[in-house]
Amino acid sequence: MGQEIPHSSFTESDFQHYREMLKEESHLLKQWFDEERFVNEHPKAGCELEAWLIDQQGVPAPVNVECLEALGSDQASPELSQFNIELNFDPVNLNEDAFSQIHKELVTGWQGLREAARRFDADCVCTGILQTVRN
């Protein structure tokens, strides 16, 4: 995710490359299981938040690069297009205050993102598909 795909038709060579990469990744995953690299500890949960950047009229604002630089967080990354940002939060142990911890991180991250967006006369909205998107 987070990478632009410049075209929508693919050659046999593209499919072959995909199969090779999938085989390589599957081999790596098997190796990690064999080496017991996955931690078997207390259950954890994490989350991510995807946001659209919009202008004052609710139209997508192409300022994600600028917002990411202003935000200066390694937990933020571009998502799909120049109008989107993804915030990734650290996993927390699933205990009695897990959801409070997650909520606190979400609020802090969201406030930081909105402050960064406002520097570029933009704001943020969480939605699957922005209703004001136009061709």
N, C-alpha and C. Protein backbone atom coordinates (compact mmCIF):
# COMPACT_ATOMS: atom_id res chain seq x y z
N MET A 1 0.84 -1.18 0.00
CA MET A 1 0.00 0.00 0.00
C MET A 1 0.88 1.24 0.00
N GLY A 2 0.26 2.35 -0.36
CA GLY A 2 0.99 3.60 -0.35
C GLY A 2 1.83 3.86 -1.58
N GLN A 3 1.78 2.95 -2.55
CA GLN A 3 2.54 3.16 -3.78
C GLN A 3 1.58 3.40 -4.93
N GLU A 4 1.90 4.37 -5.74
CA GLU A 4 1.10 4.64 -6.92
C GLU A 4 1.39 3.59 -7.98
N ILE A 5 0.36 3.12 -8.64
CA ILE A 5 0.52 2.20 -9.77
C ILE A 5 0.18 3.00 -11.01
N PRO A 6 1.17 3.24 -11.88
CA PRO A 6 0.97 4.16 -12.99
C PRO A 6 0.13 3.63 -14.15
N HIS A 7 -0.18 2.34 -14.16
CA HIS A 7 -0.96 1.80 -15.27
C HIS A 7 -1.91 0.71 -14.77
N SER A 8 -2.85 0.32 -15.64
CA SER A 8 -3.84 -0.67 -15.22
C SER A 8 -3.86 -1.90 -16.12
N SER A 9 -2.98 -1.96 -17.10
CA SER A 9 -2.85 -3.18 -17.90
C SER A 9 -1.44 -3.73 -17.70
N PHE A 10 -1.33 -5.06 -17.72
CA PHE A 10 -0.08 -5.70 -17.36
C PHE A 10 0.31 -6.73 -18.41
N THR A 11 1.61 -6.90 -18.57
CA THR A 11 2.15 -7.85 -19.54
C THR A 11 2.39 -9.19 -18.86
N GLU A 12 2.66 -10.20 -19.67
CA GLU A 12 3.01 -11.50 -19.11
C GLU A 12 4.26 -11.39 -18.24
N SER A 13 5.18 -10.52 -18.64
CA SER A 13 6.39 -10.29 -17.86
C SER A 13 6.04 -9.72 -16.48
N ASP A 14 5.06 -8.82 -16.42
CA ASP A 14 4.61 -8.27 -15.14
C ASP A 14 4.06 -9.37 -14.23
N PHE A 15 3.24 -10.24 -14.83
CA PHE A 15 2.66 -11.34 -14.04
C PHE A 15 3.75 -12.30 -13.57
N GLN A 16 4.73 -12.56 -14.43
CA GLN A 16 5.83 -13.44 -14.05
C GLN A 16 6.61 -12.82 -12.88
N HIS A 17 6.87 -11.53 -12.97
CA HIS A 17 7.57 -10.83 -11.88
C HIS A 17 6.77 -10.93 -10.59
N TYR A 18 5.46 -10.75 -10.70
CA TYR A 18 4.59 -10.85 -9.52
C TYR A 18 4.68 -12.24 -8.91
N ARG A 19 4.61 -13.28 -9.74
CA ARG A 19 4.69 -14.65 -9.23
C ARG A 19 6.03 -14.91 -8.54
N GLU A 20 7.11 -14.39 -9.11
CA GLU A 20 8.43 -14.55 -8.50
C GLU A 20 8.50 -13.86 -7.14
N MET A 21 7.98 -12.65 -7.08
CA MET A 21 7.99 -11.91 -5.81
C MET A 21 7.12 -12.61 -4.76
N LEU A 22 5.96 -13.12 -5.19
CA LEU A 22 5.08 -13.83 -4.27
C LEU A 22 5.76 -15.09 -3.74
N LYS A 23 6.44 -15.81 -4.63
CA LYS A 23 7.16 -17.02 -4.22
C LYS A 23 8.27 -16.66 -3.21
N GLU A 24 8.99 -15.59 -3.49
CA GLU A 24 10.07 -15.15 -2.60
C GLU A 24 9.52 -14.76 -1.23
N GLU A 25 8.43 -14.00 -1.22
CA GLU A 25 7.83 -13.58 0.05
C GLU A 25 7.28 -14.78 0.82
N SER A 26 6.67 -15.73 0.11
CA SER A 26 6.15 -16.93 0.77
C SER A 26 7.27 -17.75 1.38
N HIS A 27 8.38 -17.86 0.67
CA HIS A 27 9.54 -18.58 1.19
C HIS A 27 10.07 -17.89 2.46
N LEU A 28 10.14 -16.59 2.43
CA LEU A 28 10.60 -15.83 3.59
C LEU A 28 9.66 -16.05 4.78
N LEU A 29 8.37 -16.02 4.53
CA LEU A 29 7.40 -16.24 5.60
C LEU A 29 7.57 -17.63 6.21
N LYS A 30 7.72 -18.64 5.37
CA LYS A 30 7.94 -20.01 5.86
C LYS A 30 9.22 -20.07 6.69
N GLN A 31 10.26 -19.42 6.21
CA GLN A 31 11.53 -19.39 6.95
C GLN A 31 11.34 -18.78 8.33
N TRP A 32 10.60 -17.70 8.41
CA TRP A 32 10.36 -17.05 9.70
C TRP A 32 9.59 -17.97 10.65
N PHE A 33 8.60 -18.69 10.11
CA PHE A 33 7.88 -19.64 10.96
C PHE A 33 8.82 -20.74 11.43
N ASP A 34 9.63 -21.27 10.52
CA ASP A 34 10.58 -22.33 10.87
C ASP A 34 11.56 -21.86 11.94
N GLU A 35 11.97 -20.62 11.88
CA GLU A 35 12.93 -20.06 12.84
C GLU A 35 12.25 -19.53 14.11
N GLU A 36 10.93 -19.69 14.17
CA GLU A 36 10.14 -19.21 15.31
C GLU A 36 10.41 -17.75 15.61
N ARG A 37 10.40 -16.95 14.55
CA ARG A 37 10.67 -15.52 14.71
C ARG A 37 9.46 -14.73 15.20
N PHE A 38 8.29 -15.35 15.12
CA PHE A 38 7.10 -14.66 15.58
C PHE A 38 6.98 -14.81 17.09
N VAL A 39 6.68 -13.74 17.74
CA VAL A 39 6.61 -13.72 19.19
C VAL A 39 5.27 -14.30 19.64
N ASN A 40 5.33 -15.15 20.61
CA ASN A 40 4.11 -15.74 21.17
C ASN A 40 3.95 -15.22 22.59
N GLU A 41 3.58 -13.96 22.68
CA GLU A 41 3.44 -13.29 23.97
C GLU A 41 1.99 -12.94 24.22
N HIS A 42 1.84 -12.00 25.12
CA HIS A 42 0.52 -11.46 25.44
C HIS A 42 -0.11 -10.90 24.16
N PRO A 43 -1.40 -11.17 23.93
CA PRO A 43 -2.06 -10.63 22.72
C PRO A 43 -1.96 -9.11 22.66
N LYS A 44 -1.79 -8.60 21.46
CA LYS A 44 -1.66 -7.16 21.23
C LYS A 44 -2.67 -6.72 20.18
N ALA A 45 -2.92 -5.43 20.16
CA ALA A 45 -3.76 -4.83 19.14
C ALA A 45 -3.14 -3.50 18.74
N GLY A 46 -3.31 -3.17 17.50
CA GLY A 46 -2.84 -1.89 16.99
C GLY A 46 -3.87 -1.35 16.02
N CYS A 47 -3.63 -0.19 15.53
CA CYS A 47 -4.57 0.36 14.56
C CYS A 47 -3.87 1.35 13.64
N GLU A 48 -4.58 1.66 12.58
CA GLU A 48 -4.14 2.69 11.66
C GLU A 48 -5.35 3.55 11.35
N LEU A 49 -5.08 4.76 10.95
CA LEU A 49 -6.14 5.70 10.62
C LEU A 49 -5.82 6.31 9.27
N GLU A 50 -6.74 6.17 8.33
CA GLU A 50 -6.54 6.75 7.01
C GLU A 50 -7.42 7.98 6.88
N ALA A 51 -6.85 9.04 6.36
CA ALA A 51 -7.56 10.31 6.28
C ALA A 51 -7.43 10.94 4.90
N TRP A 52 -8.47 11.63 4.50
CA TRP A 52 -8.45 12.47 3.30
C TRP A 52 -8.09 13.88 3.72
N LEU A 53 -7.32 14.54 2.91
CA LEU A 53 -7.02 15.96 3.11
C LEU A 53 -7.96 16.74 2.21
N ILE A 54 -8.65 17.71 2.79
CA ILE A 54 -9.64 18.47 2.03
C ILE A 54 -9.41 19.97 2.21
N ASP A 55 -9.92 20.75 1.23
CA ASP A 55 -9.85 22.20 1.35
C ASP A 55 -11.11 22.70 2.04
N GLN A 56 -11.31 24.02 2.09
CA GLN A 56 -12.44 24.61 2.80
C GLN A 56 -13.79 24.26 2.17
N GLN A 57 -13.79 23.84 0.90
CA GLN A 57 -15.03 23.45 0.22
C GLN A 57 -15.26 21.94 0.29
N GLY A 58 -14.39 21.22 0.96
CA GLY A 58 -14.53 19.78 1.06
C GLY A 58 -13.98 19.03 -0.13
N VAL A 59 -13.25 19.73 -0.98
CA VAL A 59 -12.65 19.14 -2.17
C VAL A 59 -11.27 18.60 -1.79
N PRO A 60 -10.86 17.46 -2.35
CA PRO A 60 -9.54 16.92 -2.01
C PRO A 60 -8.43 17.95 -2.19
N ALA A 61 -7.57 18.04 -1.20
CA ALA A 61 -6.44 18.98 -1.22
C ALA A 61 -5.15 18.18 -1.40
N PRO A 62 -4.44 18.39 -2.50
CA PRO A 62 -3.23 17.60 -2.80
C PRO A 62 -2.00 18.07 -2.03
N VAL A 63 -2.05 17.94 -0.71
CA VAL A 63 -0.96 18.47 0.12
C VAL A 63 -0.39 17.42 1.08
N ASN A 64 -0.48 16.14 0.72
CA ASN A 64 -0.02 15.15 1.70
C ASN A 64 1.49 15.21 1.93
N VAL A 65 2.28 15.50 0.89
CA VAL A 65 3.73 15.59 1.08
C VAL A 65 4.06 16.72 2.05
N GLU A 66 3.43 17.87 1.85
CA GLU A 66 3.66 19.01 2.72
C GLU A 66 3.23 18.71 4.16
N CYS A 67 2.06 18.08 4.30
CA CYS A 67 1.56 17.74 5.64
C CYS A 67 2.47 16.74 6.33
N LEU A 68 2.94 15.76 5.58
CA LEU A 68 3.85 14.77 6.17
C LEU A 68 5.13 15.43 6.68
N GLU A 69 5.66 16.35 5.89
CA GLU A 69 6.87 17.07 6.32
C GLU A 69 6.59 17.91 7.56
N ALA A 70 5.45 18.60 7.58
CA ALA A 70 5.09 19.43 8.73
C ALA A 70 4.83 18.58 9.97
N LEU A 71 4.22 17.43 9.77
CA LEU A 71 3.92 16.54 10.89
C LEU A 71 5.19 15.94 11.47
N GLY A 72 6.12 15.58 10.61
CA GLY A 72 7.41 15.06 11.07
C GLY A 72 7.33 13.82 11.93
N SER A 73 6.43 12.92 11.61
CA SER A 73 6.25 11.70 12.40
C SER A 73 6.55 10.47 11.56
N ASP A 74 7.30 9.54 12.13
CA ASP A 74 7.56 8.30 11.41
C ASP A 74 6.35 7.37 11.42
N GLN A 75 5.29 7.76 12.13
CA GLN A 75 4.06 6.98 12.14
C GLN A 75 3.10 7.40 11.03
N ALA A 76 3.46 8.40 10.26
CA ALA A 76 2.60 8.89 9.19
C ALA A 76 3.24 8.58 7.84
N SER A 77 2.39 8.23 6.88
CA SER A 77 2.89 7.92 5.54
C SER A 77 1.83 8.27 4.51
N PRO A 78 2.25 8.46 3.25
CA PRO A 78 1.26 8.72 2.20
C PRO A 78 0.43 7.47 1.97
N GLU A 79 -0.80 7.65 1.54
CA GLU A 79 -1.68 6.52 1.31
C GLU A 79 -2.43 6.73 0.00
N LEU A 80 -2.11 5.95 -0.99
CA LEU A 80 -2.79 5.87 -2.28
C LEU A 80 -2.67 7.08 -3.19
N SER A 81 -2.87 8.27 -2.70
CA SER A 81 -2.80 9.43 -3.58
C SER A 81 -2.28 10.64 -2.82
N GLN A 82 -2.16 11.73 -3.52
CA GLN A 82 -1.65 12.96 -2.90
C GLN A 82 -2.66 13.62 -1.96
N PHE A 83 -3.85 13.03 -1.85
CA PHE A 83 -4.90 13.57 -0.98
C PHE A 83 -5.04 12.80 0.32
N ASN A 84 -4.27 11.73 0.49
CA ASN A 84 -4.47 10.83 1.63
C ASN A 84 -3.22 10.70 2.49
N ILE A 85 -3.46 10.45 3.77
CA ILE A 85 -2.38 10.17 4.72
C ILE A 85 -2.85 9.02 5.62
N GLU A 86 -1.90 8.18 5.99
CA GLU A 86 -2.19 7.09 6.92
C GLU A 86 -1.36 7.30 8.19
N LEU A 87 -2.02 7.18 9.32
CA LEU A 87 -1.34 7.23 10.61
C LEU A 87 -1.33 5.81 11.18
N ASN A 88 -0.16 5.31 11.53
CA ASN A 88 -0.01 3.98 12.11
C ASN A 88 0.39 4.13 13.57
N PHE A 89 -0.27 3.37 14.41
CA PHE A 89 -0.04 3.48 15.85
C PHE A 89 0.61 2.22 16.40
N ASP A 90 1.40 2.40 17.44
CA ASP A 90 2.10 1.27 18.06
C ASP A 90 1.11 0.28 18.66
N PRO A 91 1.39 -1.01 18.54
CA PRO A 91 0.55 -2.02 19.18
C PRO A 91 0.61 -1.89 20.70
N VAL A 92 -0.49 -2.22 21.35
CA VAL A 92 -0.55 -2.20 22.81
C VAL A 92 -1.00 -3.57 23.30
N ASN A 93 -0.60 -3.93 24.51
CA ASN A 93 -1.06 -5.18 25.11
C ASN A 93 -2.56 -5.10 25.35
N LEU A 94 -3.25 -6.18 25.03
CA LEU A 94 -4.69 -6.22 25.27
C LEU A 94 -4.93 -6.51 26.76
N ASN A 95 -5.03 -5.43 27.50
CA ASN A 95 -5.31 -5.53 28.93
C ASN A 95 -6.46 -4.58 29.25
N GLU A 96 -6.67 -4.31 30.52
CA GLU A 96 -7.85 -3.53 30.91
C GLU A 96 -7.86 -2.09 30.39
N ASP A 97 -6.73 -1.52 30.05
CA ASP A 97 -6.74 -0.14 29.55
C ASP A 97 -6.28 -0.02 28.10
N ALA A 98 -6.32 -1.11 27.36
CA ALA A 98 -5.85 -1.10 25.97
C ALA A 98 -6.61 -0.08 25.12
N PHE A 99 -7.92 -0.07 25.24
CA PHE A 99 -8.69 0.83 24.40
C PHE A 99 -8.50 2.29 24.80
N SER A 100 -8.25 2.53 26.07
CA SER A 100 -7.93 3.90 26.50
C SER A 100 -6.60 4.35 25.91
N GLN A 101 -5.62 3.44 25.89
CA GLN A 101 -4.32 3.77 25.29
C GLN A 101 -4.46 4.06 23.79
N ILE A 102 -5.21 3.20 23.11
CA ILE A 102 -5.41 3.39 21.67
C ILE A 102 -6.14 4.70 21.41
N HIS A 103 -7.18 4.97 22.21
CA HIS A 103 -7.93 6.21 22.05
C HIS A 103 -7.03 7.43 22.23
N LYS A 104 -6.19 7.40 23.24
CA LYS A 104 -5.28 8.53 23.49
C LYS A 104 -4.36 8.75 22.29
N GLU A 105 -3.79 7.67 21.74
CA GLU A 105 -2.92 7.81 20.57
C GLU A 105 -3.68 8.32 19.36
N LEU A 106 -4.90 7.82 19.16
CA LEU A 106 -5.71 8.28 18.03
C LEU A 106 -6.00 9.78 18.13
N VAL A 107 -6.40 10.22 19.31
CA VAL A 107 -6.71 11.65 19.51
C VAL A 107 -5.47 12.50 19.27
N THR A 108 -4.34 12.10 19.84
CA THR A 108 -3.10 12.86 19.68
C THR A 108 -2.67 12.89 18.22
N GLY A 109 -2.70 11.74 17.56
CA GLY A 109 -2.31 11.67 16.15
C GLY A 109 -3.23 12.49 15.26
N TRP A 110 -4.54 12.39 15.51
CA TRP A 110 -5.52 13.13 14.71
C TRP A 110 -5.34 14.63 14.89
N GLN A 111 -5.15 15.09 16.13
CA GLN A 111 -4.95 16.51 16.38
C GLN A 111 -3.68 17.01 15.68
N GLY A 112 -2.61 16.23 15.74
CA GLY A 112 -1.37 16.62 15.07
C GLY A 112 -1.54 16.71 13.57
N LEU A 113 -2.27 15.75 13.00
CA LEU A 113 -2.51 15.77 11.56
C LEU A 113 -3.34 16.98 11.16
N ARG A 114 -4.37 17.28 11.91
CA ARG A 114 -5.21 18.44 11.59
C ARG A 114 -4.41 19.74 11.69
N GLU A 115 -3.56 19.85 12.70
CA GLU A 115 -2.72 21.05 12.84
C GLU A 115 -1.78 21.18 11.64
N ALA A 116 -1.20 20.08 11.21
CA ALA A 116 -0.30 20.12 10.05
C ALA A 116 -1.08 20.51 8.80
N ALA A 117 -2.27 19.96 8.61
CA ALA A 117 -3.08 20.26 7.43
C ALA A 117 -3.48 21.74 7.40
N ARG A 118 -3.80 22.30 8.54
CA ARG A 118 -4.23 23.70 8.60
C ARG A 118 -3.14 24.66 8.16
N ARG A 119 -1.89 24.25 8.27
CA ARG A 119 -0.80 25.10 7.77
C ARG A 119 -0.90 25.31 6.26
N PHE A 120 -1.64 24.43 5.59
CA PHE A 120 -1.76 24.49 4.13
C PHE A 120 -3.21 24.72 3.73
N ASP A 121 -3.96 25.41 4.61
CA ASP A 121 -5.37 25.72 4.39
C ASP A 121 -6.18 24.48 4.06
N ALA A 122 -5.89 23.40 4.75
CA ALA A 122 -6.61 22.14 4.54
C ALA A 122 -7.08 21.62 5.89
N ASP A 123 -7.86 20.56 5.82
CA ASP A 123 -8.30 19.86 7.02
C ASP A 123 -8.35 18.38 6.68
N CYS A 124 -8.82 17.57 7.60
CA CYS A 124 -8.84 16.12 7.41
C CYS A 124 -10.24 15.58 7.65
N VAL A 125 -10.54 14.48 6.98
CA VAL A 125 -11.79 13.77 7.21
C VAL A 125 -11.51 12.28 7.05
N CYS A 126 -12.13 11.50 7.91
CA CYS A 126 -12.00 10.04 7.81
C CYS A 126 -13.25 9.50 7.11
N THR A 127 -13.05 8.96 5.94
CA THR A 127 -14.15 8.36 5.19
C THR A 127 -13.56 7.41 4.17
N GLY A 128 -14.32 6.42 3.78
CA GLY A 128 -13.83 5.47 2.78
C GLY A 128 -13.65 6.13 1.42
N ILE A 129 -14.72 6.74 0.94
CA ILE A 129 -14.68 7.44 -0.35
C ILE A 129 -15.20 8.85 -0.12
N LEU A 130 -14.40 9.81 -0.47
CA LEU A 130 -14.79 11.21 -0.30
C LEU A 130 -15.84 11.56 -1.35
N GLN A 131 -16.99 12.02 -0.91
CA GLN A 131 -18.11 12.28 -1.83
C GLN A 131 -17.85 13.41 -2.81
N THR A 132 -16.86 14.25 -2.52
CA THR A 132 -16.57 15.38 -3.41
C THR A 132 -15.47 15.07 -4.41
N VAL A 133 -15.01 13.81 -4.48
CA VAL A 133 -13.97 13.44 -5.44
C VAL A 133 -14.54 13.59 -6.85
N ARG A 134 -13.74 14.21 -7.71
CA ARG A 134 -14.15 14.40 -9.11
C ARG A 134 -13.06 13.87 -10.01
N ASN A 135 -13.44 13.55 -11.24
CA ASN A 135 -12.43 13.13 -12.24
C ASN A 135 -11.60 14.29 -12.67
